[in-house]
Amino acid sequence: MQRDEVLSRLRQSRAEFDTKVAAIPEDRLGLAPPGFAHSPKDVVAHVIAYEELIVERLRAARRGQSTAFDRDRDGWEAFNARVWADAERTSAEHVMARSELVFNDLITEIEQLDDAELTSVTGITAYIDPAWLEGGSLAEQVAIDGYEHYPMHFAILEAAARGVQS
């Protein structure tokens, strides 16, 4: 997959996610709709955490530093548990302010890659911890943790926008 396609998919899927978040009144951002364990604000924080991991991995790889993160060693379940707990303690204002900044950082980092780095172990991808790549390409992991991840949370955002509260 080429860099421009990855960037396009990230932007398109994140725009759809952001549109759904924007449809939620501010006073409902911290309320979990019935049938859901997390609030929309917590979902945004969760998405940001995954984007931030990609950014941190790419920045560390550019510096030739380790990209071994506990999320890859301890598993996504432990990572998610920590992220959800942290999100509950974070204000909606803080989460929403960081959302655009983190996504812009993600785009900036992806823009610096070339097509080969996204599809094979070359350039900075040679520094990416294989535990994250799981035998796949960088492009595949950006999809999983990025543009394929956002739609997984559309149902909760739509329920919150409809005004169904717990």
N, C-alpha and C. Protein backbone atom coordinates (compact mmCIF):
# COMPACT_ATOMS: atom_id res chain seq x y z
N MET A 1 0.84 -1.17 0.00
CA MET A 1 0.00 0.00 0.00
C MET A 1 0.89 1.24 0.00
N GLN A 2 0.51 2.22 -0.76
CA GLN A 2 1.31 3.43 -0.88
C GLN A 2 0.96 4.44 0.22
N ARG A 3 1.93 5.27 0.54
CA ARG A 3 1.76 6.27 1.60
C ARG A 3 0.53 7.14 1.37
N ASP A 4 0.33 7.61 0.15
CA ASP A 4 -0.80 8.50 -0.11
C ASP A 4 -2.14 7.82 0.15
N GLU A 5 -2.21 6.52 -0.11
CA GLU A 5 -3.44 5.78 0.17
C GLU A 5 -3.65 5.65 1.68
N VAL A 6 -2.59 5.36 2.42
CA VAL A 6 -2.68 5.27 3.88
C VAL A 6 -3.14 6.62 4.44
N LEU A 7 -2.54 7.70 3.98
CA LEU A 7 -2.92 9.03 4.44
C LEU A 7 -4.37 9.34 4.12
N SER A 8 -4.79 9.00 2.93
CA SER A 8 -6.17 9.25 2.52
C SER A 8 -7.15 8.48 3.40
N ARG A 9 -6.85 7.22 3.64
CA ARG A 9 -7.73 6.39 4.48
C ARG A 9 -7.77 6.90 5.92
N LEU A 10 -6.61 7.29 6.44
CA LEU A 10 -6.58 7.85 7.79
C LEU A 10 -7.45 9.11 7.87
N ARG A 11 -7.24 10.01 6.93
CA ARG A 11 -8.00 11.27 6.96
C ARG A 11 -9.49 11.03 6.79
N GLN A 12 -9.86 10.17 5.89
CA GLN A 12 -11.28 9.92 5.63
C GLN A 12 -11.96 9.26 6.83
N SER A 13 -11.35 8.23 7.38
CA SER A 13 -11.96 7.52 8.49
C SER A 13 -11.98 8.39 9.75
N ARG A 14 -10.90 9.14 9.98
CA ARG A 14 -10.85 10.01 11.17
C ARG A 14 -11.86 11.15 11.02
N ALA A 15 -12.06 11.66 9.81
CA ALA A 15 -13.06 12.71 9.60
C ALA A 15 -14.46 12.19 9.95
N GLU A 16 -14.75 10.96 9.56
CA GLU A 16 -16.05 10.37 9.90
C GLU A 16 -16.17 10.21 11.41
N PHE A 17 -15.12 9.76 12.06
CA PHE A 17 -15.10 9.65 13.52
C PHE A 17 -15.33 11.02 14.15
N ASP A 18 -14.60 12.02 13.70
CA ASP A 18 -14.71 13.38 14.25
C ASP A 18 -16.11 13.96 14.04
N THR A 19 -16.73 13.66 12.90
CA THR A 19 -18.09 14.14 12.63
C THR A 19 -19.06 13.54 13.64
N LYS A 20 -18.88 12.28 13.94
CA LYS A 20 -19.75 11.62 14.93
C LYS A 20 -19.54 12.21 16.32
N VAL A 21 -18.30 12.49 16.68
CA VAL A 21 -18.00 13.10 17.97
C VAL A 21 -18.62 14.51 18.03
N ALA A 22 -18.49 15.27 16.96
CA ALA A 22 -19.01 16.64 16.93
C ALA A 22 -20.53 16.69 17.06
N ALA A 23 -21.20 15.61 16.73
CA ALA A 23 -22.67 15.56 16.82
C ALA A 23 -23.15 15.35 18.26
N ILE A 24 -22.24 15.09 19.16
CA ILE A 24 -22.60 14.84 20.56
C ILE A 24 -22.55 16.16 21.33
N PRO A 25 -23.64 16.51 21.98
CA PRO A 25 -23.61 17.74 22.79
C PRO A 25 -22.53 17.64 23.87
N GLU A 26 -21.92 18.75 24.16
CA GLU A 26 -20.81 18.78 25.10
C GLU A 26 -21.17 18.18 26.46
N ASP A 27 -22.40 18.38 26.90
CA ASP A 27 -22.80 17.88 28.22
C ASP A 27 -22.97 16.35 28.24
N ARG A 28 -22.90 15.70 27.10
CA ARG A 28 -23.02 14.23 27.04
C ARG A 28 -21.69 13.54 26.79
N LEU A 29 -20.62 14.30 26.59
CA LEU A 29 -19.33 13.68 26.27
C LEU A 29 -18.82 12.77 27.38
N GLY A 30 -19.16 13.06 28.61
CA GLY A 30 -18.69 12.25 29.73
C GLY A 30 -19.66 11.20 30.21
N LEU A 31 -20.75 11.00 29.49
CA LEU A 31 -21.79 10.04 29.89
C LEU A 31 -21.81 8.83 28.97
N ALA A 32 -21.75 7.66 29.57
CA ALA A 32 -21.83 6.43 28.77
C ALA A 32 -23.29 6.15 28.44
N PRO A 33 -23.60 5.98 27.16
CA PRO A 33 -24.98 5.62 26.79
C PRO A 33 -25.33 4.23 27.33
N PRO A 34 -26.60 3.95 27.56
CA PRO A 34 -27.00 2.62 28.03
C PRO A 34 -26.46 1.53 27.10
N GLY A 35 -25.99 0.47 27.72
CA GLY A 35 -25.45 -0.64 26.95
C GLY A 35 -23.98 -0.51 26.59
N PHE A 36 -23.39 0.61 26.98
CA PHE A 36 -21.98 0.84 26.67
C PHE A 36 -21.21 1.09 27.97
N ALA A 37 -20.00 0.62 28.02
CA ALA A 37 -19.20 0.74 29.24
C ALA A 37 -18.45 2.07 29.35
N HIS A 38 -18.33 2.77 28.22
CA HIS A 38 -17.49 3.96 28.22
C HIS A 38 -18.23 5.16 27.65
N SER A 39 -17.77 6.33 28.03
CA SER A 39 -18.35 7.57 27.52
C SER A 39 -17.68 7.93 26.19
N PRO A 40 -18.31 8.81 25.42
CA PRO A 40 -17.67 9.26 24.18
C PRO A 40 -16.30 9.89 24.42
N LYS A 41 -16.17 10.64 25.49
CA LYS A 41 -14.88 11.25 25.83
C LYS A 41 -13.82 10.17 26.05
N ASP A 42 -14.22 9.09 26.72
CA ASP A 42 -13.29 7.99 26.96
C ASP A 42 -12.91 7.29 25.65
N VAL A 43 -13.86 7.18 24.75
CA VAL A 43 -13.58 6.57 23.44
C VAL A 43 -12.58 7.43 22.67
N VAL A 44 -12.75 8.73 22.70
CA VAL A 44 -11.80 9.62 22.01
C VAL A 44 -10.41 9.46 22.63
N ALA A 45 -10.33 9.41 23.96
CA ALA A 45 -9.04 9.21 24.62
C ALA A 45 -8.41 7.87 24.22
N HIS A 46 -9.23 6.85 24.09
CA HIS A 46 -8.76 5.53 23.67
C HIS A 46 -8.18 5.59 22.25
N VAL A 47 -8.88 6.23 21.35
CA VAL A 47 -8.40 6.38 19.96
C VAL A 47 -7.09 7.17 19.94
N ILE A 48 -7.04 8.24 20.71
CA ILE A 48 -5.82 9.06 20.78
C ILE A 48 -4.65 8.20 21.27
N ALA A 49 -4.88 7.34 22.24
CA ALA A 49 -3.80 6.52 22.79
C ALA A 49 -3.19 5.63 21.71
N TYR A 50 -4.02 5.07 20.85
CA TYR A 50 -3.49 4.23 19.77
C TYR A 50 -2.75 5.07 18.72
N GLU A 51 -3.29 6.24 18.41
CA GLU A 51 -2.59 7.13 17.47
C GLU A 51 -1.25 7.55 18.04
N GLU A 52 -1.24 7.87 19.32
CA GLU A 52 -0.02 8.31 19.97
C GLU A 52 1.05 7.21 19.97
N LEU A 53 0.63 5.97 20.13
CA LEU A 53 1.58 4.86 20.07
C LEU A 53 2.25 4.78 18.70
N ILE A 54 1.47 4.96 17.65
CA ILE A 54 2.06 4.95 16.31
C ILE A 54 3.07 6.07 16.20
N VAL A 55 2.69 7.27 16.63
CA VAL A 55 3.58 8.43 16.57
C VAL A 55 4.86 8.17 17.36
N GLU A 56 4.71 7.68 18.59
CA GLU A 56 5.89 7.42 19.43
C GLU A 56 6.80 6.36 18.80
N ARG A 57 6.21 5.34 18.21
CA ARG A 57 7.01 4.30 17.56
C ARG A 57 7.81 4.88 16.40
N LEU A 58 7.14 5.66 15.57
CA LEU A 58 7.82 6.21 14.40
C LEU A 58 8.90 7.21 14.81
N ARG A 59 8.63 8.03 15.79
CA ARG A 59 9.64 8.99 16.26
C ARG A 59 10.84 8.28 16.87
N ALA A 60 10.60 7.26 17.67
CA ALA A 60 11.69 6.49 18.26
C ALA A 60 12.51 5.80 17.17
N ALA A 61 11.83 5.23 16.20
CA ALA A 61 12.53 4.54 15.09
C ALA A 61 13.41 5.52 14.33
N ARG A 62 12.92 6.74 14.10
CA ARG A 62 13.72 7.75 13.39
C ARG A 62 14.99 8.09 14.16
N ARG A 63 14.92 8.01 15.49
CA ARG A 63 16.09 8.30 16.32
C ARG A 63 16.96 7.05 16.53
N GLY A 64 16.51 5.92 15.99
CA GLY A 64 17.24 4.67 16.16
C GLY A 64 17.09 4.10 17.56
N GLN A 65 16.02 4.51 18.26
CA GLN A 65 15.77 4.05 19.62
C GLN A 65 14.78 2.89 19.62
N SER A 66 14.69 2.24 20.76
CA SER A 66 13.79 1.10 20.91
C SER A 66 12.34 1.51 20.67
N THR A 67 11.63 0.65 20.00
CA THR A 67 10.19 0.86 19.82
C THR A 67 9.43 -0.26 20.51
N ALA A 68 10.06 -0.89 21.49
CA ALA A 68 9.41 -1.95 22.26
C ALA A 68 8.52 -1.29 23.31
N PHE A 69 7.23 -1.45 23.17
CA PHE A 69 6.27 -0.85 24.08
C PHE A 69 5.51 -1.95 24.81
N ASP A 70 5.07 -1.63 26.02
CA ASP A 70 4.36 -2.63 26.82
C ASP A 70 3.10 -3.13 26.13
N ARG A 71 2.49 -2.33 25.29
CA ARG A 71 1.28 -2.74 24.58
C ARG A 71 1.56 -3.98 23.74
N ASP A 72 2.77 -4.07 23.20
CA ASP A 72 3.13 -5.20 22.36
C ASP A 72 3.57 -6.41 23.18
N ARG A 73 4.12 -6.17 24.34
CA ARG A 73 4.61 -7.26 25.20
C ARG A 73 3.52 -7.78 26.13
N ASP A 74 2.75 -6.87 26.72
CA ASP A 74 1.72 -7.25 27.69
C ASP A 74 0.37 -7.52 27.03
N GLY A 75 0.22 -7.10 25.79
CA GLY A 75 -1.02 -7.32 25.07
C GLY A 75 -1.93 -6.10 25.06
N TRP A 76 -2.79 -6.08 24.08
CA TRP A 76 -3.68 -4.92 23.94
C TRP A 76 -4.72 -4.86 25.05
N GLU A 77 -5.05 -6.00 25.66
CA GLU A 77 -6.04 -5.99 26.74
C GLU A 77 -5.54 -5.18 27.93
N ALA A 78 -4.28 -5.42 28.34
CA ALA A 78 -3.70 -4.67 29.46
C ALA A 78 -3.55 -3.20 29.09
N PHE A 79 -3.14 -2.94 27.86
CA PHE A 79 -3.01 -1.55 27.41
C PHE A 79 -4.37 -0.86 27.46
N ASN A 80 -5.39 -1.51 26.93
CA ASN A 80 -6.73 -0.91 26.94
C ASN A 80 -7.23 -0.66 28.35
N ALA A 81 -7.01 -1.59 29.26
CA ALA A 81 -7.45 -1.40 30.65
C ALA A 81 -6.83 -0.14 31.24
N ARG A 82 -5.54 0.04 30.99
CA ARG A 82 -4.86 1.24 31.49
C ARG A 82 -5.40 2.50 30.82
N VAL A 83 -5.61 2.44 29.52
CA VAL A 83 -6.11 3.61 28.78
C VAL A 83 -7.50 3.99 29.26
N TRP A 84 -8.39 2.99 29.42
CA TRP A 84 -9.75 3.29 29.88
C TRP A 84 -9.72 3.92 31.27
N ALA A 85 -8.87 3.40 32.17
CA ALA A 85 -8.77 3.95 33.53
C ALA A 85 -8.26 5.39 33.49
N ASP A 86 -7.24 5.64 32.68
CA ASP A 86 -6.70 7.00 32.55
C ASP A 86 -7.75 7.94 31.96
N ALA A 87 -8.51 7.46 31.00
CA ALA A 87 -9.51 8.29 30.33
C ALA A 87 -10.59 8.75 31.31
N GLU A 88 -10.98 7.87 32.22
CA GLU A 88 -12.01 8.23 33.20
C GLU A 88 -11.58 9.40 34.08
N ARG A 89 -10.28 9.54 34.29
CA ARG A 89 -9.75 10.60 35.16
C ARG A 89 -9.41 11.87 34.38
N THR A 90 -9.64 11.87 33.09
CA THR A 90 -9.25 13.01 32.25
C THR A 90 -10.49 13.77 31.82
N SER A 91 -10.40 15.08 31.84
CA SER A 91 -11.56 15.91 31.48
C SER A 91 -11.85 15.85 29.99
N ALA A 92 -13.09 16.06 29.66
CA ALA A 92 -13.50 16.09 28.25
C ALA A 92 -12.77 17.22 27.52
N GLU A 93 -12.59 18.35 28.17
CA GLU A 93 -11.90 19.48 27.54
C GLU A 93 -10.47 19.11 27.14
N HIS A 94 -9.79 18.43 28.04
CA HIS A 94 -8.41 18.03 27.77
C HIS A 94 -8.36 17.01 26.62
N VAL A 95 -9.23 16.03 26.68
CA VAL A 95 -9.25 14.99 25.64
C VAL A 95 -9.55 15.62 24.28
N MET A 96 -10.57 16.45 24.22
CA MET A 96 -10.96 17.05 22.93
C MET A 96 -9.86 17.97 22.39
N ALA A 97 -9.20 18.69 23.26
CA ALA A 97 -8.11 19.57 22.82
C ALA A 97 -6.95 18.76 22.24
N ARG A 98 -6.67 17.61 22.81
CA ARG A 98 -5.56 16.77 22.34
C ARG A 98 -5.89 16.00 21.07
N SER A 99 -7.16 15.76 20.81
CA SER A 99 -7.56 14.90 19.71
C SER A 99 -6.99 15.36 18.37
N GLU A 100 -7.21 16.59 18.03
CA GLU A 100 -6.73 17.10 16.75
C GLU A 100 -5.20 17.17 16.71
N LEU A 101 -4.60 17.55 17.83
CA LEU A 101 -3.13 17.65 17.89
C LEU A 101 -2.47 16.30 17.64
N VAL A 102 -2.97 15.27 18.30
CA VAL A 102 -2.38 13.94 18.15
C VAL A 102 -2.58 13.42 16.73
N PHE A 103 -3.79 13.64 16.18
CA PHE A 103 -4.02 13.18 14.81
C PHE A 103 -3.10 13.91 13.83
N ASN A 104 -2.91 15.20 14.02
CA ASN A 104 -1.99 15.95 13.16
C ASN A 104 -0.57 15.41 13.27
N ASP A 105 -0.15 15.04 14.49
CA ASP A 105 1.17 14.43 14.65
C ASP A 105 1.25 13.11 13.89
N LEU A 106 0.19 12.33 13.94
CA LEU A 106 0.16 11.06 13.21
C LEU A 106 0.32 11.29 11.71
N ILE A 107 -0.42 12.23 11.18
CA ILE A 107 -0.32 12.54 9.75
C ILE A 107 1.10 12.99 9.40
N THR A 108 1.66 13.86 10.23
CA THR A 108 3.03 14.35 9.98
C THR A 108 4.02 13.19 9.94
N GLU A 109 3.89 12.25 10.86
CA GLU A 109 4.81 11.11 10.89
C GLU A 109 4.62 10.20 9.67
N ILE A 110 3.41 9.94 9.29
CA ILE A 110 3.15 9.09 8.12
C ILE A 110 3.65 9.79 6.85
N GLU A 111 3.49 11.09 6.76
CA GLU A 111 3.95 11.83 5.58
C GLU A 111 5.46 11.69 5.38
N GLN A 112 6.20 11.45 6.44
CA GLN A 112 7.66 11.33 6.34
C GLN A 112 8.12 9.95 5.84
N LEU A 113 7.20 8.99 5.81
CA LEU A 113 7.54 7.66 5.34
C LEU A 113 7.54 7.59 3.83
N ASP A 114 8.27 6.65 3.28
CA ASP A 114 8.13 6.39 1.85
C ASP A 114 7.35 5.09 1.67
N ASP A 115 6.93 4.82 0.47
CA ASP A 115 6.10 3.64 0.20
C ASP A 115 6.78 2.35 0.67
N ALA A 116 8.08 2.25 0.46
CA ALA A 116 8.80 1.02 0.82
C ALA A 116 8.77 0.80 2.34
N GLU A 117 8.89 1.87 3.12
CA GLU A 117 8.88 1.73 4.58
C GLU A 117 7.54 1.21 5.08
N LEU A 118 6.49 1.50 4.35
CA LEU A 118 5.16 1.03 4.76
C LEU A 118 4.92 -0.43 4.43
N THR A 119 5.66 -0.96 3.47
CA THR A 119 5.37 -2.32 3.01
C THR A 119 6.46 -3.34 3.29
N SER A 120 7.65 -2.89 3.65
CA SER A 120 8.75 -3.84 3.88
C SER A 120 9.64 -3.34 5.01
N VAL A 121 10.52 -4.22 5.47
CA VAL A 121 11.43 -3.87 6.55
C VAL A 121 12.64 -3.17 5.95
N THR A 122 12.49 -1.86 5.83
CA THR A 122 13.55 -1.03 5.27
C THR A 122 13.44 0.37 5.89
N GLY A 123 14.50 1.15 5.81
CA GLY A 123 14.45 2.49 6.38
C GLY A 123 14.12 2.43 7.87
N ILE A 124 13.25 3.31 8.32
CA ILE A 124 12.93 3.31 9.75
C ILE A 124 12.15 2.08 10.17
N THR A 125 11.48 1.44 9.23
CA THR A 125 10.72 0.25 9.59
C THR A 125 11.64 -0.84 10.13
N ALA A 126 12.89 -0.82 9.76
CA ALA A 126 13.84 -1.80 10.28
C ALA A 126 14.03 -1.63 11.79
N TYR A 127 13.69 -0.47 12.33
CA TYR A 127 13.82 -0.22 13.76
C TYR A 127 12.53 -0.48 14.54
N ILE A 128 11.45 -0.78 13.82
CA ILE A 128 10.16 -1.02 14.48
C ILE A 128 10.19 -2.42 15.11
N ASP A 129 9.75 -2.49 16.34
CA ASP A 129 9.73 -3.76 17.07
C ASP A 129 8.85 -4.77 16.33
N PRO A 130 9.40 -5.92 15.97
CA PRO A 130 8.61 -6.94 15.27
C PRO A 130 7.39 -7.41 16.06
N ALA A 131 7.40 -7.25 17.38
CA ALA A 131 6.25 -7.66 18.19
C ALA A 131 5.00 -6.86 17.80
N TRP A 132 5.17 -5.61 17.39
CA TRP A 132 4.02 -4.82 16.96
C TRP A 132 3.61 -5.24 15.56
N LEU A 133 4.56 -5.41 14.69
CA LEU A 133 4.24 -5.74 13.30
C LEU A 133 3.63 -7.13 13.16
N GLU A 134 3.93 -8.02 14.07
CA GLU A 134 3.37 -9.38 14.06
C GLU A 134 3.47 -10.04 12.69
N GLY A 135 4.59 -9.85 12.03
CA GLY A 135 4.79 -10.47 10.73
C GLY A 135 4.15 -9.72 9.57
N GLY A 136 3.45 -8.64 9.86
CA GLY A 136 2.81 -7.84 8.82
C GLY A 136 3.64 -6.61 8.50
N SER A 137 3.05 -5.75 7.73
CA SER A 137 3.74 -4.52 7.33
C SER A 137 3.34 -3.36 8.22
N LEU A 138 4.10 -2.31 8.15
CA LEU A 138 3.77 -1.08 8.87
C LEU A 138 2.42 -0.54 8.40
N ALA A 139 2.16 -0.61 7.11
CA ALA A 139 0.87 -0.16 6.57
C ALA A 139 -0.29 -0.93 7.20
N GLU A 140 -0.11 -2.24 7.37
CA GLU A 140 -1.18 -3.05 7.97
C GLU A 140 -1.42 -2.66 9.42
N GLN A 141 -0.36 -2.37 10.17
CA GLN A 141 -0.53 -1.99 11.57
C GLN A 141 -1.12 -0.59 11.71
N VAL A 142 -0.77 0.31 10.81
CA VAL A 142 -1.39 1.64 10.83
C VAL A 142 -2.88 1.51 10.54
N ALA A 143 -3.24 0.59 9.67
CA ALA A 143 -4.66 0.34 9.40
C ALA A 143 -5.36 -0.18 10.64
N ILE A 144 -4.79 -1.19 11.26
CA ILE A 144 -5.42 -1.82 12.43
C ILE A 144 -5.56 -0.84 13.58
N ASP A 145 -4.50 -0.10 13.88
CA ASP A 145 -4.53 0.82 15.02
C ASP A 145 -5.04 2.20 14.65
N GLY A 146 -5.30 2.43 13.38
CA GLY A 146 -5.76 3.73 12.90
C GLY A 146 -7.10 3.66 12.22
N TYR A 147 -7.09 3.71 10.90
CA TYR A 147 -8.35 3.90 10.17
C TYR A 147 -9.33 2.74 10.25
N GLU A 148 -8.88 1.54 10.56
CA GLU A 148 -9.83 0.44 10.78
C GLU A 148 -10.34 0.43 12.23
N HIS A 149 -9.64 1.11 13.09
CA HIS A 149 -9.99 1.17 14.51
C HIS A 149 -11.15 2.15 14.75
N TYR A 150 -11.13 3.29 14.09
CA TYR A 150 -12.15 4.32 14.35
C TYR A 150 -13.58 3.80 14.22
N PRO A 151 -13.93 3.09 13.14
CA PRO A 151 -15.31 2.63 12.99
C PRO A 151 -15.77 1.66 14.08
N MET A 152 -14.85 1.04 14.77
CA MET A 152 -15.22 0.12 15.85
C MET A 152 -15.99 0.84 16.96
N HIS A 153 -15.87 2.15 17.00
CA HIS A 153 -16.48 2.94 18.07
C HIS A 153 -17.64 3.82 17.59
N PHE A 154 -18.05 3.65 16.36
CA PHE A 154 -19.13 4.48 15.83
C PHE A 154 -20.45 4.27 16.57
N ALA A 155 -20.76 3.04 16.96
CA ALA A 155 -22.05 2.76 17.60
C ALA A 155 -22.22 3.55 18.89
N ILE A 156 -21.20 3.60 19.72
CA ILE A 156 -21.30 4.35 20.97
C ILE A 156 -21.44 5.85 20.71
N LEU A 157 -20.72 6.34 19.72
CA LEU A 157 -20.80 7.77 19.39
C LEU A 157 -22.19 8.11 18.85
N GLU A 158 -22.73 7.25 18.03
CA GLU A 158 -24.08 7.47 17.49
C GLU A 158 -25.13 7.41 18.59
N ALA A 159 -24.98 6.48 19.54
CA ALA A 159 -25.93 6.39 20.65
C ALA A 159 -25.86 7.65 21.51
N ALA A 160 -24.67 8.13 21.76
CA ALA A 160 -24.53 9.35 22.55
C ALA A 160 -25.12 10.56 21.82
N ALA A 161 -24.97 10.61 20.53
CA ALA A 161 -25.52 11.73 19.75
C ALA A 161 -27.05 11.71 19.75
N ARG A 162 -27.63 10.50 19.79
CA ARG A 162 -29.10 10.39 19.82
C ARG A 162 -29.69 10.87 21.15
N GLY A 163 -28.85 10.97 22.14
CA GLY A 163 -29.31 11.48 23.43
C GLY A 163 -29.78 10.44 24.40
N VAL A 164 -29.52 9.20 24.08
CA VAL A 164 -29.88 8.12 25.01
C VAL A 164 -28.80 8.09 26.08
N GLN A 165 -29.19 8.38 27.32
CA GLN A 165 -28.23 8.47 28.40
C GLN A 165 -28.45 7.40 29.44
N SER A 166 -27.38 7.08 30.16
CA SER A 166 -27.50 6.11 31.26
C SER A 166 -27.71 6.83 32.56
